[in-house]
Protein backbone atom coordinates (compact mmCIF):
# COMPACT_ATOMS: atom_id res chain seq x y z
CA MET A 1 3.72 95.01 105.35
CA THR A 2 1.93 92.97 102.70
CA GLU A 3 0.71 90.39 105.23
CA ALA A 4 -1.16 93.13 107.05
CA LEU A 5 -2.75 94.36 103.85
CA LYS A 6 -3.87 90.82 103.00
CA ASN A 7 -5.97 90.85 106.16
CA TYR A 8 -8.16 93.71 104.97
CA SER A 9 -11.87 92.96 105.30
CA LEU A 10 -14.00 93.80 102.28
CA ASN A 11 -17.23 93.63 104.24
CA GLY A 12 -16.51 94.35 107.90
CA GLY A 13 -16.12 98.11 107.81
CA GLY A 14 -18.81 99.25 105.44
CA ARG A 15 -18.19 101.45 102.43
CA ASP A 16 -16.18 104.11 104.25
CA ALA A 17 -13.85 101.93 106.34
CA ALA A 18 -10.75 99.81 105.73
CA ARG A 19 -9.72 97.27 108.36
CA VAL A 20 -6.41 95.56 108.99
CA THR A 21 -4.94 93.29 111.64
CA VAL A 22 -1.62 94.45 113.09
CA PRO A 23 0.99 91.82 112.08
CA ALA A 24 3.57 90.36 114.43
CA ASP A 25 6.42 92.24 112.77
CA CYS A 26 4.83 95.53 113.91
CA ALA A 27 4.78 94.51 117.58
CA GLY A 28 6.52 97.12 119.72
CA LEU A 29 6.16 99.90 117.14
CA ARG A 30 4.30 103.14 117.72
CA LEU A 31 0.92 103.36 116.01
CA ASP A 32 2.16 105.97 113.51
CA GLN A 33 5.14 103.78 112.57
CA ALA A 34 2.98 100.67 112.20
CA LEU A 35 0.39 102.51 110.07
CA ALA A 36 3.12 103.63 107.68
CA ARG A 37 4.06 99.97 107.17
CA MET A 38 0.52 98.66 106.94
CA PHE A 39 -0.73 101.37 104.58
CA PRO A 40 2.26 102.10 102.29
CA GLY A 41 0.06 103.97 99.83
CA LEU A 42 -0.67 106.69 102.42
CA SER A 43 1.78 109.33 103.63
CA ARG A 44 2.86 109.25 107.28
CA THR A 45 1.80 112.88 107.70
CA ARG A 46 -1.71 112.16 106.44
CA LEU A 47 -1.98 109.09 108.67
CA ALA A 48 -0.90 111.09 111.72
CA ARG A 49 -3.60 113.66 110.99
CA ARG A 50 -6.18 110.88 110.80
CA VAL A 51 -5.09 109.52 114.17
CA LEU A 52 -5.22 112.94 115.86
CA ALA A 53 -8.66 113.58 114.34
CA GLY A 54 -9.96 110.35 115.86
CA GLU A 55 -10.42 108.71 112.45
CA VAL A 56 -8.23 105.72 113.33
CA THR A 57 -9.30 103.21 115.97
CA VAL A 58 -7.42 100.34 117.58
CA ASP A 59 -9.69 97.53 118.80
CA GLY A 60 -12.62 99.92 118.60
CA ARG A 61 -11.04 102.74 120.61
CA ALA A 62 -9.51 106.04 119.50
CA ALA A 63 -5.73 106.01 119.83
CA LEU A 64 -2.73 108.33 119.86
CA PRO A 65 0.12 108.30 117.28
CA ARG A 66 2.73 107.23 119.88
CA GLN A 67 0.65 104.40 121.33
CA ARG A 68 2.64 101.14 121.34
CA LEU A 69 1.19 98.08 119.63
CA PHE A 70 1.54 94.44 120.63
CA GLY A 71 0.41 92.74 117.38
CA GLY A 72 -2.98 91.27 116.61
CA GLU A 73 -4.97 94.49 117.21
CA ARG A 74 -7.68 95.50 114.75
CA VAL A 75 -7.06 98.90 113.14
CA VAL A 76 -9.83 100.73 111.26
CA LEU A 77 -9.54 103.92 109.21
CA ALA A 78 -11.65 105.69 106.62
CA PRO A 79 -9.99 105.97 103.19
CA GLY A 80 -10.69 108.47 100.45
CA ARG A 81 -10.79 111.59 102.64
CA ASP A 82 -9.48 115.08 101.94
CA PRO A 83 -6.76 116.86 103.98
CA ASP A 84 -9.35 118.29 106.42
CA GLY A 85 -10.77 114.86 107.21
CA GLU A 86 -14.03 115.40 105.31
CA PRO A 87 -15.12 112.59 102.97
CA ALA A 88 -13.92 113.24 99.43
CA ALA A 89 -16.84 113.99 97.13
CA ALA A 90 -17.67 111.84 94.12
CA GLU A 91 -17.70 113.94 90.93
CA SER A 92 -18.69 112.65 87.55
CA MET A 93 -16.20 113.63 84.86
CA ALA A 94 -14.86 112.15 81.63
CA LEU A 95 -11.97 109.73 82.05
CA ALA A 96 -9.73 108.49 79.22
CA ILE A 97 -9.87 104.80 80.15
CA VAL A 98 -7.26 102.69 78.34
CA TYR A 99 -8.16 99.42 80.08
CA GLU A 100 -10.54 98.27 82.81
CA ASP A 101 -11.55 95.00 84.44
CA GLU A 102 -12.74 93.93 87.89
CA ALA A 103 -9.26 94.33 89.44
CA LEU A 104 -7.73 97.45 87.93
CA LEU A 105 -8.16 100.51 85.80
CA VAL A 106 -5.56 102.11 83.51
CA LEU A 107 -6.05 105.77 82.57
CA ASP A 108 -4.45 108.19 80.16
CA LYS A 109 -4.36 111.26 82.42
CA PRO A 110 -4.48 114.61 80.65
CA ALA A 111 -2.13 117.41 81.62
CA GLY A 112 -3.77 119.77 84.08
CA LEU A 113 -5.65 117.13 86.09
CA VAL A 114 -4.68 116.94 89.78
CA VAL A 115 -4.48 113.35 91.08
CA HIS A 116 -5.24 113.81 94.82
CA PRO A 117 -7.30 116.44 96.65
CA GLY A 118 -5.17 118.97 98.51
CA ALA A 119 -5.08 122.56 99.64
CA GLY A 120 -6.77 124.58 96.91
CA ASN A 121 -7.68 121.42 94.97
CA ARG A 122 -10.40 119.66 96.96
CA ARG A 123 -12.66 119.19 93.94
CA GLY A 124 -12.11 118.27 90.32
CA THR A 125 -9.34 115.75 91.01
CA LEU A 126 -8.82 112.26 89.66
CA LEU A 127 -9.71 110.82 93.08
CA ASN A 128 -13.08 112.60 92.98
CA ALA A 129 -13.71 111.18 89.50
CA LEU A 130 -12.78 107.65 90.60
CA LEU A 131 -15.26 107.75 93.47
CA ALA A 132 -18.00 108.50 90.95
CA HIS A 133 -16.83 106.01 88.34
CA ALA A 134 -16.29 103.13 90.79
CA PRO A 135 -18.11 103.83 94.10
CA ASP A 136 -16.61 100.71 95.73
CA SER A 137 -13.21 102.40 95.50
CA ARG A 138 -14.02 104.04 98.86
CA GLU A 139 -13.02 100.70 100.37
CA VAL A 140 -9.50 101.03 98.93
CA PRO A 141 -6.82 103.44 100.26
CA ARG A 142 -6.71 106.63 98.17
CA ALA A 143 -9.52 105.23 96.01
CA GLY A 144 -7.01 102.76 94.56
CA ILE A 145 -4.39 105.26 93.37
CA VAL A 146 -1.03 103.55 93.96
CA HIS A 147 1.31 105.97 92.16
CA ARG A 148 1.15 109.57 91.02
CA LEU A 149 1.66 111.79 88.05
CA ASP A 150 2.27 115.50 88.54
CA LYS A 151 -0.61 117.80 87.62
CA ASP A 152 1.01 118.90 84.35
CA THR A 153 2.40 115.48 83.38
CA SER A 154 0.21 113.47 81.02
CA GLY A 155 -0.01 109.74 80.43
CA LEU A 156 -0.61 106.32 81.93
CA LEU A 157 -1.62 105.74 85.51
CA VAL A 158 -2.87 102.47 87.04
CA VAL A 159 -5.57 102.33 89.73
CA ALA A 160 -6.48 99.32 91.89
CA LYS A 161 -10.21 98.59 92.13
CA THR A 162 -10.00 96.07 94.98
CA LEU A 163 -8.00 95.81 98.18
CA ALA A 164 -6.34 92.62 96.93
CA ALA A 165 -5.24 94.37 93.73
CA HIS A 166 -4.02 97.36 95.74
CA THR A 167 -1.89 95.11 97.93
CA GLU A 168 -0.30 93.41 94.93
CA LEU A 169 0.35 96.60 92.97
CA VAL A 170 1.96 98.28 96.00
CA ARG A 171 4.15 95.19 96.40
CA GLN A 172 5.21 95.35 92.74
CA LEU A 173 6.01 99.06 92.97
CA ALA A 174 8.07 98.48 96.11
CA GLY A 175 9.84 95.59 94.37
CA ARG A 176 10.55 97.78 91.30
CA THR A 177 8.96 95.30 88.91
CA VAL A 178 6.49 97.82 87.41
CA ARG A 179 7.99 99.22 84.22
CA ARG A 180 7.24 102.92 83.66
CA GLU A 181 8.61 104.77 80.65
CA TYR A 182 8.22 108.45 79.86
CA LEU A 183 8.89 110.68 76.87
CA ALA A 184 10.58 113.94 77.81
CA VAL A 185 11.64 116.95 75.75
CA VAL A 186 14.65 118.61 77.36
CA HIS A 187 16.71 121.70 76.68
CA GLY A 188 20.04 121.18 74.94
CA ARG A 189 21.45 118.33 72.88
CA VAL A 190 22.00 115.15 74.89
CA ALA A 191 24.98 113.30 73.48
CA ARG A 192 24.34 109.69 74.52
CA PRO A 193 22.12 107.42 76.62
CA GLY A 194 22.89 107.08 80.30
CA THR A 195 21.78 106.54 83.87
CA ILE A 196 21.40 109.14 86.60
CA SER A 197 21.80 107.72 90.10
CA ALA A 198 21.49 110.54 92.63
CA PRO A 199 19.56 110.78 95.92
CA ILE A 200 16.50 113.03 95.93
CA GLY A 201 15.05 114.88 98.91
CA ARG A 202 13.31 118.10 99.85
CA HIS A 203 15.10 121.23 98.62
CA PRO A 204 16.96 122.82 101.56
CA ARG A 205 15.48 126.28 100.90
CA SER A 206 12.17 125.62 99.13
CA ARG A 207 9.48 123.30 100.52
CA ILE A 208 7.71 123.04 97.17
CA ARG A 209 10.77 121.76 95.33
CA MET A 210 12.84 118.60 95.41
CA ALA A 211 16.58 118.45 94.78
CA VAL A 212 19.57 116.15 94.58
CA VAL A 213 20.76 116.14 98.20
CA ALA A 214 23.25 113.96 100.04
CA ARG A 215 20.69 112.71 102.57
CA GLY A 216 17.94 112.17 100.03
CA ARG A 217 16.33 108.87 99.08
CA HIS A 218 18.00 106.57 96.56
CA ALA A 219 16.79 107.40 93.04
CA VAL A 220 17.74 106.00 89.62
CA THR A 221 16.59 107.17 86.17
CA HIS A 222 17.68 105.53 82.89
CA PHE A 223 17.38 107.48 79.64
CA GLU A 224 17.97 107.02 75.92
CA VAL A 225 18.04 109.50 73.08
CA ILE A 226 15.11 109.24 70.66
CA GLU A 227 15.71 112.35 68.53
CA ARG A 228 17.91 115.43 68.63
CA PHE A 229 16.84 118.90 67.53
CA PRO A 230 18.91 122.08 67.11
CA ALA A 231 18.25 123.23 70.69
CA ALA A 232 16.53 120.30 72.42
CA THR A 233 16.39 116.49 72.67
CA LEU A 234 13.57 113.97 72.89
CA LEU A 235 14.38 111.32 75.52
CA ARG A 236 12.74 108.12 76.69
CA CYS A 237 13.21 107.80 80.45
CA ARG A 238 12.67 104.67 82.52
CA LEU A 239 12.13 104.90 86.24
CA GLU A 240 13.91 102.37 88.42
CA THR A 241 12.66 104.15 91.53
CA GLY A 242 9.68 106.47 91.96
CA ARG A 243 10.59 109.61 93.89
CA THR A 244 8.64 112.85 93.78
CA HIS A 245 9.56 114.87 90.64
CA GLN A 246 12.30 112.31 89.93
CA ILE A 247 12.71 112.76 86.17
CA ARG A 248 12.40 116.53 86.42
CA VAL A 249 15.00 116.80 89.19
CA HIS A 250 17.46 114.31 87.69
CA LEU A 251 17.46 115.89 84.23
CA GLN A 252 17.75 119.39 85.67
CA SER A 253 20.73 118.25 87.75
CA ALA A 254 22.34 116.93 84.54
CA GLY A 255 21.98 120.33 82.87
CA HIS A 256 18.99 119.38 80.69
CA PRO A 257 15.78 120.65 82.35
CA LEU A 258 12.45 119.79 80.79
CA VAL A 259 11.09 122.23 78.25
CA GLY A 260 8.29 124.24 79.88
CA ASP A 261 9.11 123.24 83.46
CA PRO A 262 8.51 126.36 85.62
CA THR A 263 9.88 124.75 88.79
CA TYR A 264 13.13 123.21 87.58
CA GLY A 265 13.68 125.19 84.38
CA SER A 266 12.38 128.49 83.07
CA ARG A 267 9.16 129.30 81.24
CA ALA A 268 11.04 132.15 79.57
CA ALA A 269 13.51 129.76 77.93
CA ALA A 270 12.96 128.91 74.26
CA PRO A 271 11.02 127.12 72.97
CA PRO A 272 7.94 128.30 74.92
CA PHE A 273 5.63 125.55 76.24
CA PRO A 274 2.86 125.91 78.87
CA ARG A 275 3.80 122.84 80.97
CA GLN A 276 6.67 120.45 81.56
CA ALA A 277 7.07 118.38 78.39
CA LEU A 278 6.70 114.99 80.09
CA HIS A 279 4.39 112.12 79.12
CA ALA A 280 4.03 108.67 80.72
CA GLU A 281 4.03 106.67 77.50
CA ARG A 282 4.39 103.02 78.55
CA LEU A 283 3.33 100.96 81.56
CA ALA A 284 3.90 97.25 82.17
CA LEU A 285 3.16 95.11 85.23
CA ARG A 286 2.00 91.70 86.36
CA HIS A 287 -1.78 91.63 86.48
CA PRO A 288 -2.76 91.36 90.16
CA ALA A 289 -5.55 88.84 89.48
CA THR A 290 -4.21 86.67 86.65
CA GLY A 291 -0.45 86.93 87.21
CA THR A 292 0.15 87.49 83.50
CA THR A 293 2.27 90.38 82.20
CA ALA A 294 0.17 93.26 80.90
CA SER A 295 1.35 96.40 79.14
CA TRP A 296 -0.20 99.56 77.77
CA HIS A 297 0.84 102.46 75.54
CA ALA A 298 -0.46 106.04 75.43
CA PRO A 299 0.42 108.10 72.33
CA LEU A 300 1.81 111.59 72.72
CA PRO A 301 -0.83 114.24 73.36
CA GLU A 302 -1.39 116.84 70.69
CA ASP A 303 0.47 119.65 72.49
CA MET A 304 3.69 117.62 72.70
CA ARG A 305 3.38 116.51 69.07
CA ARG A 306 3.12 120.15 68.01
CA LEU A 307 6.12 121.03 70.18
CA ILE A 308 8.26 118.33 68.57
CA GLU A 309 7.25 119.40 65.06
CA ALA A 310 8.18 122.98 65.90
CA LEU A 311 11.56 121.87 67.24
CA LYS A 312 12.36 120.13 63.96
CA GLU A 313 12.10 123.37 62.02
CA PRO A 314 15.37 125.31 61.71
CA PRO A 315 15.29 128.67 63.46
CA MET A 316 14.45 131.62 61.27
CA PRO A 317 17.59 133.57 60.35
CA ALA A 318 17.85 136.98 61.87
CA PRO A 319 17.01 139.73 59.39
CA ALA A 320 20.06 141.30 57.84
CA ALA A 321 20.97 144.66 59.27
CA ARG A 322 20.14 147.51 56.94
CA VAL A 323 23.14 149.64 56.06
CA ALA A 324 22.32 153.30 55.76
CA ARG A 325 23.51 154.81 52.52
CA PRO A 326 25.48 158.03 52.79
CA ARG A 327 23.50 161.04 51.79
CA LYS A 328 24.76 162.96 48.82
CA GLU A 329 25.90 166.48 49.45
CA HIS A 330 24.44 169.19 47.19
């Protein structure tokens, strides 16, 4: 997988193309299978759509998803496109940049910002902003985005600015050497630190939800108690794996859904909060260019600080029931 990515050409395909040589270990695979290995940052469904739309070529010719490969072919595809195959538009917008150099960019994503364009969200996403901030990111799969945060999760997110950095960061994520820690406010009082190891997959009855399912993908979340409140707990969670909605699903399965989570909890539950109370607070990795360990910290956003302060206050006692006095008879 990584050998193929190392063969990317920075100059051969122009701004809108990424090129890779099919490695020997992909010989005999179908094109769709080989693409999933060579471009681990892209979903297999999205890659299949690109192939069927004629946006992927093998040795200069359009191909089919089930075409068999022999190894050594040149594959070209256009990164940074939306679900309909149209080039994603660059849009200038403010970004909370925590760190930036020639290889990578670390952002403090606000809650409410969608990371990738999708149905109903083709504009105003982080990917659109990255294309404006760093136009050369069109040469990198998904404009350099190597991991996600949900729309309503705030905090740190790393972006690769070069193909070499993308390759290395994907390798580190796959090797579970990137340290990602989150602060989460959950319902109920959590008694002690622990680890949740439970497979996560698509919910059997809802396509927009994930769930703990027997045939799901291996997923591990470690958590520790930071502070307890009368009806909630502040946790620090560390991801060992990175499945979709992992923290939200794991904590809900343990009986402690995130405060404000409309998908895995209930917006009607007290205390009220307009989003899931989840913030990516810490990020540490090996710098893809220098090899040195780098780490970053993003303080809690104001809405979560206010939530925690409100949780510290004891609930107001219910007003005493008024006892009606008996009326005197005249």
